[in-house]
């Protein structure tokens, strides 16, 4: 049974998709731990939630650090209550050809994008098991189907799909669902960085991307937030182990 007052942890919530998800979950009535590398960077998200009457706290943590993750989840529990919802959103995605990629870059991308969700989920799930109810939503990507520009990022995002399906099989008996969202092109810092790397104005870059999207536009952070809102709700109790492609069309 869903706890009367749910607490959510959203990683990478200082801006972009994570901030949109945090705000939407607060609108849904959840108290939100806004987690990102720098606590000060979380201020805008926390303040926007507070202005609308919601409850949120900013927590600094490098999710690739076991110690910092443990502290972040403990602080969430102490200041808001035991987490019942986790949205693994934090990620990095620098571009480099395989032959130019350093071992350090590979380790960094896999550390944040794959190790990080493992650490946060492992720390948060015991609270959900104790409550007999929980939701884990993890951000994968259409890059999981293959990304010629970022083999490290594509590998990590594919790994998250296997992680999610395995969680669903293991945790279902505890009343916990686990699902992944795989966004397509979404307006974000990452896509803006890609535009700059290609020497394009972002508006032109987005226009070109929209030409290949069946619905005729690129995604907005709110598109992802709406999907996360459903997946963490009581209405999605029979949806688990799924990958929801939020990409404006089918994904092969």
C-alpha atoms as a PDB file:
ATOM      1  CA  UNK A   1       0.000   0.000   0.000  1.00  0.00           C
ATOM      2  CA  UNK A   2       1.319   3.448  -0.904  1.00  0.00           C
ATOM      3  CA  UNK A   3       2.628   5.399   2.100  1.00  0.00           C
ATOM      4  CA  UNK A   4       0.315   8.255   3.117  1.00  0.00           C
ATOM      5  CA  UNK A   5       3.042  10.815   2.501  1.00  0.00           C
ATOM      6  CA  UNK A   6       5.549   9.766  -0.154  1.00  0.00           C
ATOM      7  CA  UNK A   7       9.116  10.973  -0.374  1.00  0.00           C
ATOM      8  CA  UNK A   8      10.997  10.988  -3.660  1.00  0.00           C
ATOM      9  CA  UNK A   9      14.681  11.207  -4.465  1.00  0.00           C
ATOM     10  CA  UNK A  10      15.500  12.673  -7.874  1.00  0.00           C
ATOM     11  CA  UNK A  11      19.144  12.687  -8.917  1.00  0.00           C
ATOM     12  CA  UNK A  12      20.569  15.219 -11.356  1.00  0.00           C
ATOM     13  CA  UNK A  13      17.683  17.487 -10.381  1.00  0.00           C
ATOM     14  CA  UNK A  14      19.378  20.879 -10.484  1.00  0.00           C
ATOM     15  CA  UNK A  15      18.277  21.532 -14.049  1.00  0.00           C
ATOM     16  CA  UNK A  16      16.831  20.052 -17.214  1.00  0.00           C
ATOM     17  CA  UNK A  17      14.923  16.781 -17.090  1.00  0.00           C
ATOM     18  CA  UNK A  18      15.727  16.178 -13.432  1.00  0.00           C
ATOM     19  CA  UNK A  19      14.408  19.583 -12.363  1.00  0.00           C
ATOM     20  CA  UNK A  20      11.231  19.082 -14.391  1.00  0.00           C
ATOM     21  CA  UNK A  21      10.683  15.663 -12.810  1.00  0.00           C
ATOM     22  CA  UNK A  22      11.280  17.023  -9.310  1.00  0.00           C
ATOM     23  CA  UNK A  23       8.788  19.851  -9.851  1.00  0.00           C
ATOM     24  CA  UNK A  24       6.158  17.528 -11.313  1.00  0.00           C
ATOM     25  CA  UNK A  25       6.458  15.027  -8.448  1.00  0.00           C
ATOM     26  CA  UNK A  26       6.120  17.891  -5.961  1.00  0.00           C
ATOM     27  CA  UNK A  27       2.953  18.970  -7.778  1.00  0.00           C
ATOM     28  CA  UNK A  28       1.750  15.400  -7.343  1.00  0.00           C
ATOM     29  CA  UNK A  29       2.147  15.801  -3.593  1.00  0.00           C
ATOM     30  CA  UNK A  30       5.509  14.166  -2.965  1.00  0.00           C
ATOM     31  CA  UNK A  31       8.248  15.665  -0.829  1.00  0.00           C
ATOM     32  CA  UNK A  32      11.386  15.733  -2.969  1.00  0.00           C
ATOM     33  CA  UNK A  33      15.086  15.362  -2.243  1.00  0.00           C
ATOM     34  CA  UNK A  34      16.728  17.358  -5.030  1.00  0.00           C
ATOM     35  CA  UNK A  35      20.123  15.718  -5.495  1.00  0.00           C
ATOM     36  CA  UNK A  36      22.968  17.042  -7.612  1.00  0.00           C
ATOM     37  CA  UNK A  37      26.709  17.584  -7.437  1.00  0.00           C
ATOM     38  CA  UNK A  38      26.474  21.100  -5.964  1.00  0.00           C
ATOM     39  CA  UNK A  39      23.836  21.941  -3.378  1.00  0.00           C
ATOM     40  CA  UNK A  40      23.793  25.591  -4.471  1.00  0.00           C
ATOM     41  CA  UNK A  41      22.883  24.534  -8.016  1.00  0.00           C
ATOM     42  CA  UNK A  42      19.735  22.892  -6.635  1.00  0.00           C
ATOM     43  CA  UNK A  43      18.412  26.177  -5.214  1.00  0.00           C
ATOM     44  CA  UNK A  44      16.278  27.118  -8.218  1.00  0.00           C
ATOM     45  CA  UNK A  45      14.525  23.741  -8.253  1.00  0.00           C
ATOM     46  CA  UNK A  46      13.908  23.795  -4.509  1.00  0.00           C
ATOM     47  CA  UNK A  47      12.668  27.392  -4.573  1.00  0.00           C
ATOM     48  CA  UNK A  48      10.280  26.741  -7.460  1.00  0.00           C
ATOM     49  CA  UNK A  49       8.810  23.787  -5.557  1.00  0.00           C
ATOM     50  CA  UNK A  50       8.508  25.829  -2.367  1.00  0.00           C
ATOM     51  CA  UNK A  51       6.787  28.712  -4.186  1.00  0.00           C
ATOM     52  CA  UNK A  52       4.069  26.308  -5.299  1.00  0.00           C
ATOM     53  CA  UNK A  53       3.550  25.030  -1.767  1.00  0.00           C
ATOM     54  CA  UNK A  54       5.614  21.873  -2.082  1.00  0.00           C
ATOM     55  CA  UNK A  55       8.373  20.527   0.122  1.00  0.00           C
ATOM     56  CA  UNK A  56      11.927  19.922  -1.063  1.00  0.00           C
ATOM     57  CA  UNK A  57      15.484  19.850   0.204  1.00  0.00           C
ATOM     58  CA  UNK A  58      18.714  20.282  -1.732  1.00  0.00           C
ATOM     59  CA  UNK A  59      21.328  17.597  -1.219  1.00  0.00           C
ATOM     60  CA  UNK A  60      24.814  17.550  -2.717  1.00  0.00           C
ATOM     61  CA  UNK A  61      26.162  14.171  -3.775  1.00  0.00           C
ATOM     62  CA  UNK A  62      28.378  12.615  -6.406  1.00  0.00           C
ATOM     63  CA  UNK A  63      26.317   9.529  -7.163  1.00  0.00           C
ATOM     64  CA  UNK A  64      29.439   7.649  -8.245  1.00  0.00           C
ATOM     65  CA  UNK A  65      30.648   7.866  -4.624  1.00  0.00           C
ATOM     66  CA  UNK A  66      29.323   5.157  -2.322  1.00  0.00           C
ATOM     67  CA  UNK A  67      29.956   7.269   0.765  1.00  0.00           C
ATOM     68  CA  UNK A  68      28.189  10.345  -0.602  1.00  0.00           C
ATOM     69  CA  UNK A  69      25.214   8.301  -1.784  1.00  0.00           C
ATOM     70  CA  UNK A  70      24.838   6.691   1.631  1.00  0.00           C
ATOM     71  CA  UNK A  71      24.902  10.128   3.263  1.00  0.00           C
ATOM     72  CA  UNK A  72      22.406  11.564   0.762  1.00  0.00           C
ATOM     73  CA  UNK A  73      19.835   8.824   1.356  1.00  0.00           C
ATOM     74  CA  UNK A  74      20.328   9.041   5.131  1.00  0.00           C
ATOM     75  CA  UNK A  75      19.794  12.787   5.006  1.00  0.00           C
ATOM     76  CA  UNK A  76      16.649  12.337   2.910  1.00  0.00           C
ATOM     77  CA  UNK A  77      15.292   9.949   5.509  1.00  0.00           C
ATOM     78  CA  UNK A  78      16.161  12.309   8.365  1.00  0.00           C
ATOM     79  CA  UNK A  79      14.772  15.510   6.806  1.00  0.00           C
ATOM     80  CA  UNK A  80      11.826  14.280   4.731  1.00  0.00           C
ATOM     81  CA  UNK A  81      11.169  10.678   5.672  1.00  0.00           C
ATOM     82  CA  UNK A  82      11.951   7.279   4.141  1.00  0.00           C
ATOM     83  CA  UNK A  83      12.116   7.407   0.339  1.00  0.00           C
ATOM     84  CA  UNK A  84       9.340   5.542  -1.456  1.00  0.00           C
ATOM     85  CA  UNK A  85      10.170   6.840  -4.932  1.00  0.00           C
ATOM     86  CA  UNK A  86      13.523   7.044  -6.683  1.00  0.00           C
ATOM     87  CA  UNK A  87      14.191   8.631 -10.041  1.00  0.00           C
ATOM     88  CA  UNK A  88      17.698   7.850 -11.270  1.00  0.00           C
ATOM     89  CA  UNK A  89      18.240  10.738 -13.663  1.00  0.00           C
ATOM     90  CA  UNK A  90      21.808  12.007 -13.212  1.00  0.00           C
ATOM     91  CA  UNK A  91      24.085  11.333 -16.158  1.00  0.00           C
ATOM     92  CA  UNK A  92      26.981  12.567 -18.238  1.00  0.00           C
ATOM     93  CA  UNK A  93      27.617  12.090 -21.939  1.00  0.00           C
ATOM     94  CA  UNK A  94      30.773  13.613 -23.439  1.00  0.00           C
ATOM     95  CA  UNK A  95      31.521  12.639 -27.016  1.00  0.00           C
ATOM     96  CA  UNK A  96      34.671  10.872 -28.164  1.00  0.00           C
ATOM     97  CA  UNK A  97      35.507   8.335 -30.835  1.00  0.00           C
ATOM     98  CA  UNK A  98      36.480   4.947 -29.472  1.00  0.00           C
ATOM     99  CA  UNK A  99      40.103   5.265 -30.552  1.00  0.00           C
ATOM    100  CA  UNK A 100      40.383   8.644 -28.825  1.00  0.00           C
ATOM    101  CA  UNK A 101      38.533   7.671 -25.676  1.00  0.00           C
ATOM    102  CA  UNK A 102      40.641   7.374 -22.554  1.00  0.00           C
ATOM    103  CA  UNK A 103      40.098   4.725 -19.932  1.00  0.00           C
ATOM    104  CA  UNK A 104      39.395   7.533 -17.476  1.00  0.00           C
ATOM    105  CA  UNK A 105      36.589   8.878 -19.661  1.00  0.00           C
ATOM    106  CA  UNK A 106      35.041   5.429 -19.992  1.00  0.00           C
ATOM    107  CA  UNK A 107      35.236   4.941 -16.220  1.00  0.00           C
ATOM    108  CA  UNK A 108      33.704   8.364 -15.542  1.00  0.00           C
ATOM    109  CA  UNK A 109      30.742   7.824 -17.865  1.00  0.00           C
ATOM    110  CA  UNK A 110      30.071   4.301 -16.617  1.00  0.00           C
ATOM    111  CA  UNK A 111      30.642   5.469 -13.054  1.00  0.00           C
ATOM    112  CA  UNK A 112      27.968   8.152 -13.161  1.00  0.00           C
ATOM    113  CA  UNK A 113      25.523   6.549 -15.595  1.00  0.00           C
ATOM    114  CA  UNK A 114      25.600   2.924 -14.444  1.00  0.00           C
ATOM    115  CA  UNK A 115      27.395   2.611 -11.098  1.00  0.00           C
ATOM    116  CA  UNK A 116      25.542   5.671  -9.776  1.00  0.00           C
ATOM    117  CA  UNK A 117      22.013   4.293 -10.232  1.00  0.00           C
ATOM    118  CA  UNK A 118      23.151   1.013  -8.681  1.00  0.00           C
ATOM    119  CA  UNK A 119      24.489   2.797  -5.594  1.00  0.00           C
ATOM    120  CA  UNK A 120      21.466   5.050  -5.116  1.00  0.00           C
ATOM    121  CA  UNK A 121      18.990   2.241  -5.713  1.00  0.00           C
ATOM    122  CA  UNK A 122      20.792  -0.077  -3.317  1.00  0.00           C
ATOM    123  CA  UNK A 123      20.710   2.608  -0.629  1.00  0.00           C
ATOM    124  CA  UNK A 124      17.061   3.591  -1.146  1.00  0.00           C
ATOM    125  CA  UNK A 125      15.367   0.237  -1.742  1.00  0.00           C
ATOM    126  CA  UNK A 126      15.583  -1.067   1.850  1.00  0.00           C
ATOM    127  CA  UNK A 127      13.218   1.730   2.880  1.00  0.00           C
ATOM    128  CA  UNK A 128      10.773   0.648   0.183  1.00  0.00           C
ATOM    129  CA  UNK A 129      11.009  -3.009   1.202  1.00  0.00           C
ATOM    130  CA  UNK A 130      10.232  -2.051   4.793  1.00  0.00           C
ATOM    131  CA  UNK A 131       7.186  -0.075   3.623  1.00  0.00           C
ATOM    132  CA  UNK A 132       6.048  -2.805   1.224  1.00  0.00           C
ATOM    133  CA  UNK A 133       5.706  -0.241  -1.569  1.00  0.00           C
ATOM    134  CA  UNK A 134       8.073   1.588  -3.876  1.00  0.00           C
ATOM    135  CA  UNK A 135       8.836   2.939  -7.304  1.00  0.00           C
ATOM    136  CA  UNK A 136      12.167   3.041  -9.110  1.00  0.00           C
ATOM    137  CA  UNK A 137      12.362   4.923 -12.407  1.00  0.00           C
ATOM    138  CA  UNK A 138      15.679   5.086 -14.240  1.00  0.00           C
ATOM    139  CA  UNK A 139      16.550   7.276 -17.200  1.00  0.00           C
ATOM    140  CA  UNK A 140      17.931   5.273 -20.074  1.00  0.00           C
ATOM    141  CA  UNK A 141      18.050   6.759 -23.591  1.00  0.00           C
ATOM    142  CA  UNK A 142      17.442   5.899 -27.211  1.00  0.00           C
ATOM    143  CA  UNK A 143      21.258   5.739 -27.254  1.00  0.00           C
ATOM    144  CA  UNK A 144      20.826   2.332 -25.619  1.00  0.00           C
ATOM    145  CA  UNK A 145      19.999   1.004 -29.095  1.00  0.00           C
ATOM    146  CA  UNK A 146      23.418   2.218 -30.303  1.00  0.00           C
ATOM    147  CA  UNK A 147      25.222   5.559 -30.360  1.00  0.00           C
ATOM    148  CA  UNK A 148      28.000   5.947 -32.904  1.00  0.00           C
ATOM    149  CA  UNK A 149      29.270   9.124 -31.240  1.00  0.00           C
ATOM    150  CA  UNK A 150      29.300   7.845 -27.657  1.00  0.00           C
ATOM    151  CA  UNK A 151      30.008   4.159 -27.178  1.00  0.00           C
ATOM    152  CA  UNK A 152      30.509   4.694 -23.453  1.00  0.00           C
ATOM    153  CA  UNK A 153      27.189   6.488 -23.018  1.00  0.00           C
ATOM    154  CA  UNK A 154      25.295   4.012 -25.192  1.00  0.00           C
ATOM    155  CA  UNK A 155      26.788   1.101 -23.280  1.00  0.00           C
ATOM    156  CA  UNK A 156      25.824   2.580 -19.924  1.00  0.00           C
ATOM    157  CA  UNK A 157      22.275   3.369 -21.030  1.00  0.00           C
ATOM    158  CA  UNK A 158      21.853  -0.160 -22.404  1.00  0.00           C
ATOM    159  CA  UNK A 159      23.122  -1.497 -19.092  1.00  0.00           C
ATOM    160  CA  UNK A 160      20.429   0.454 -17.277  1.00  0.00           C
ATOM    161  CA  UNK A 161      17.753  -1.404 -19.216  1.00  0.00           C
ATOM    162  CA  UNK A 162      19.107  -4.738 -18.015  1.00  0.00           C
ATOM    163  CA  UNK A 163      19.423  -3.285 -14.523  1.00  0.00           C
ATOM    164  CA  UNK A 164      15.785  -2.170 -14.576  1.00  0.00           C
ATOM    165  CA  UNK A 165      14.415  -5.484 -15.806  1.00  0.00           C
ATOM    166  CA  UNK A 166      16.429  -7.370 -13.196  1.00  0.00           C
ATOM    167  CA  UNK A 167      15.181  -5.052 -10.448  1.00  0.00           C
ATOM    168  CA  UNK A 168      11.601  -5.639 -11.537  1.00  0.00           C
ATOM    169  CA  UNK A 169      12.059  -9.393 -11.261  1.00  0.00           C
ATOM    170  CA  UNK A 170      13.743  -9.193  -7.878  1.00  0.00           C
ATOM    171  CA  UNK A 171      11.697  -6.502  -6.154  1.00  0.00           C
ATOM    172  CA  UNK A 172       8.168  -7.143  -7.370  1.00  0.00           C
ATOM    173  CA  UNK A 173       7.335  -9.378  -4.424  1.00  0.00           C
ATOM    174  CA  UNK A 174       7.996  -6.415  -2.135  1.00  0.00           C
ATOM    175  CA  UNK A 175       5.445  -4.203  -3.856  1.00  0.00           C
ATOM    176  CA  UNK A 176       8.150  -2.308  -5.741  1.00  0.00           C
ATOM    177  CA  UNK A 177       8.049  -1.609  -9.461  1.00  0.00           C
ATOM    178  CA  UNK A 178      11.035  -0.679 -11.609  1.00  0.00           C
ATOM    179  CA  UNK A 179      10.808   0.930 -15.029  1.00  0.00           C
ATOM    180  CA  UNK A 180      13.028   2.851 -17.408  1.00  0.00           C
ATOM    181  CA  UNK A 181      12.331   5.916 -19.502  1.00  0.00           C
ATOM    182  CA  UNK A 182      14.298   6.237 -22.738  1.00  0.00           C
ATOM    183  CA  UNK A 183      14.078   9.826 -24.013  1.00  0.00           C
ATOM    184  CA  UNK A 184      14.801  10.839 -27.563  1.00  0.00           C
ATOM    185  CA  UNK A 185      16.022  14.330 -28.438  1.00  0.00           C
ATOM    186  CA  UNK A 186      15.096  16.558 -25.498  1.00  0.00           C
ATOM    187  CA  UNK A 187      16.000  20.210 -25.019  1.00  0.00           C
ATOM    188  CA  UNK A 188      18.736  20.037 -22.386  1.00  0.00           C
ATOM    189  CA  UNK A 189      22.269  21.062 -21.532  1.00  0.00           C
ATOM    190  CA  UNK A 190      23.480  17.885 -23.229  1.00  0.00           C
ATOM    191  CA  UNK A 191      21.785  18.626 -26.553  1.00  0.00           C
ATOM    192  CA  UNK A 192      22.879  22.262 -26.369  1.00  0.00           C
ATOM    193  CA  UNK A 193      26.461  21.093 -25.905  1.00  0.00           C
ATOM    194  CA  UNK A 194      26.079  18.827 -28.932  1.00  0.00           C
ATOM    195  CA  UNK A 195      24.897  21.790 -31.017  1.00  0.00           C
ATOM    196  CA  UNK A 196      27.899  23.874 -29.985  1.00  0.00           C
ATOM    197  CA  UNK A 197      30.258  21.021 -30.807  1.00  0.00           C
ATOM    198  CA  UNK A 198      28.795  20.878 -34.297  1.00  0.00           C
ATOM    199  CA  UNK A 199      29.026  24.633 -34.724  1.00  0.00           C
ATOM    200  CA  UNK A 200      25.242  25.082 -34.969  1.00  0.00           C
ATOM    201  CA  UNK A 201      22.837  27.446 -33.291  1.00  0.00           C
ATOM    202  CA  UNK A 202      20.693  25.359 -30.993  1.00  0.00           C
ATOM    203  CA  UNK A 203      17.457  26.409 -32.677  1.00  0.00           C
ATOM    204  CA  UNK A 204      18.739  25.137 -36.017  1.00  0.00           C
ATOM    205  CA  UNK A 205      20.061  21.955 -34.429  1.00  0.00           C
ATOM    206  CA  UNK A 206      16.669  21.282 -32.840  1.00  0.00           C
ATOM    207  CA  UNK A 207      14.850  22.087 -36.090  1.00  0.00           C
ATOM    208  CA  UNK A 208      16.948  19.543 -37.966  1.00  0.00           C
ATOM    209  CA  UNK A 209      16.348  16.944 -35.265  1.00  0.00           C
ATOM    210  CA  UNK A 210      12.597  17.560 -35.360  1.00  0.00           C
ATOM    211  CA  UNK A 211      12.503  16.688 -39.059  1.00  0.00           C
ATOM    212  CA  UNK A 212      13.124  13.035 -38.191  1.00  0.00           C
ATOM    213  CA  UNK A 213      10.585  12.925 -35.343  1.00  0.00           C
ATOM    214  CA  UNK A 214       7.121  11.683 -36.398  1.00  0.00           C
ATOM    215  CA  UNK A 215       5.256  14.136 -34.140  1.00  0.00           C
ATOM    216  CA  UNK A 216       7.212  16.981 -35.726  1.00  0.00           C
ATOM    217  CA  UNK A 217       8.962  18.451 -32.709  1.00  0.00           C
ATOM    218  CA  UNK A 218      11.736  17.705 -30.257  1.00  0.00           C
ATOM    219  CA  UNK A 219      11.056  16.775 -26.676  1.00  0.00           C
ATOM    220  CA  UNK A 220      10.777  19.029 -23.666  1.00  0.00           C
ATOM    221  CA  UNK A 221      11.831  18.123 -20.117  1.00  0.00           C
ATOM    222  CA  UNK A 222       8.171  18.235 -19.146  1.00  0.00           C
ATOM    223  CA  UNK A 223       7.429  15.383 -21.581  1.00  0.00           C
ATOM    224  CA  UNK A 224       9.707  13.155 -19.539  1.00  0.00           C
ATOM    225  CA  UNK A 225       8.352  14.470 -16.250  1.00  0.00           C
ATOM    226  CA  UNK A 226       4.774  13.576 -17.204  1.00  0.00           C
ATOM    227  CA  UNK A 227       5.848  10.017 -17.959  1.00  0.00           C
ATOM    228  CA  UNK A 228       7.757   9.726 -14.682  1.00  0.00           C
ATOM    229  CA  UNK A 229       4.694  11.034 -12.833  1.00  0.00           C
ATOM    230  CA  UNK A 230       2.602   8.162 -14.149  1.00  0.00           C
ATOM    231  CA  UNK A 231       5.210   5.476 -13.515  1.00  0.00           C
ATOM    232  CA  UNK A 232       5.661   6.425  -9.859  1.00  0.00           C
ATOM    233  CA  UNK A 233       1.934   6.701  -9.222  1.00  0.00           C
ATOM    234  CA  UNK A 234      -0.328   4.047  -7.665  1.00  0.00           C
ATOM    235  CA  UNK A 235      -2.003   3.747 -11.088  1.00  0.00           C
ATOM    236  CA  UNK A 236       1.142   2.109 -12.509  1.00  0.00           C
ATOM    237  CA  UNK A 237       1.226  -0.747 -10.028  1.00  0.00           C
ATOM    238  CA  UNK A 238       0.933  -3.377 -12.786  1.00  0.00           C
ATOM    239  CA  UNK A 239       3.633  -1.785 -14.964  1.00  0.00           C
ATOM    240  CA  UNK A 240       7.107  -3.051 -14.160  1.00  0.00           C
ATOM    241  CA  UNK A 241      10.264  -4.003 -16.012  1.00  0.00           C
ATOM    242  CA  UNK A 242       9.281  -1.823 -18.957  1.00  0.00           C
ATOM    243  CA  UNK A 243      11.202   0.622 -21.123  1.00  0.00           C
ATOM    244  CA  UNK A 244       9.052   3.584 -22.139  1.00  0.00           C
ATOM    245  CA  UNK A 245      10.456   5.363 -25.191  1.00  0.00           C
ATOM    246  CA  UNK A 246       9.516   9.043 -24.980  1.00  0.00           C
ATOM    247  CA  UNK A 247      10.845  10.001 -28.379  1.00  0.00           C
ATOM    248  CA  UNK A 248       7.954  11.287 -30.462  1.00  0.00           C
ATOM    249  CA  UNK A 249       7.717   8.052 -32.420  1.00  0.00           C
ATOM    250  CA  UNK A 250       8.719   4.388 -32.489  1.00  0.00           C
ATOM    251  CA  UNK A 251      12.287   3.361 -31.743  1.00  0.00           C
ATOM    252  CA  UNK A 252      13.871   0.311 -33.346  1.00  0.00           C
END
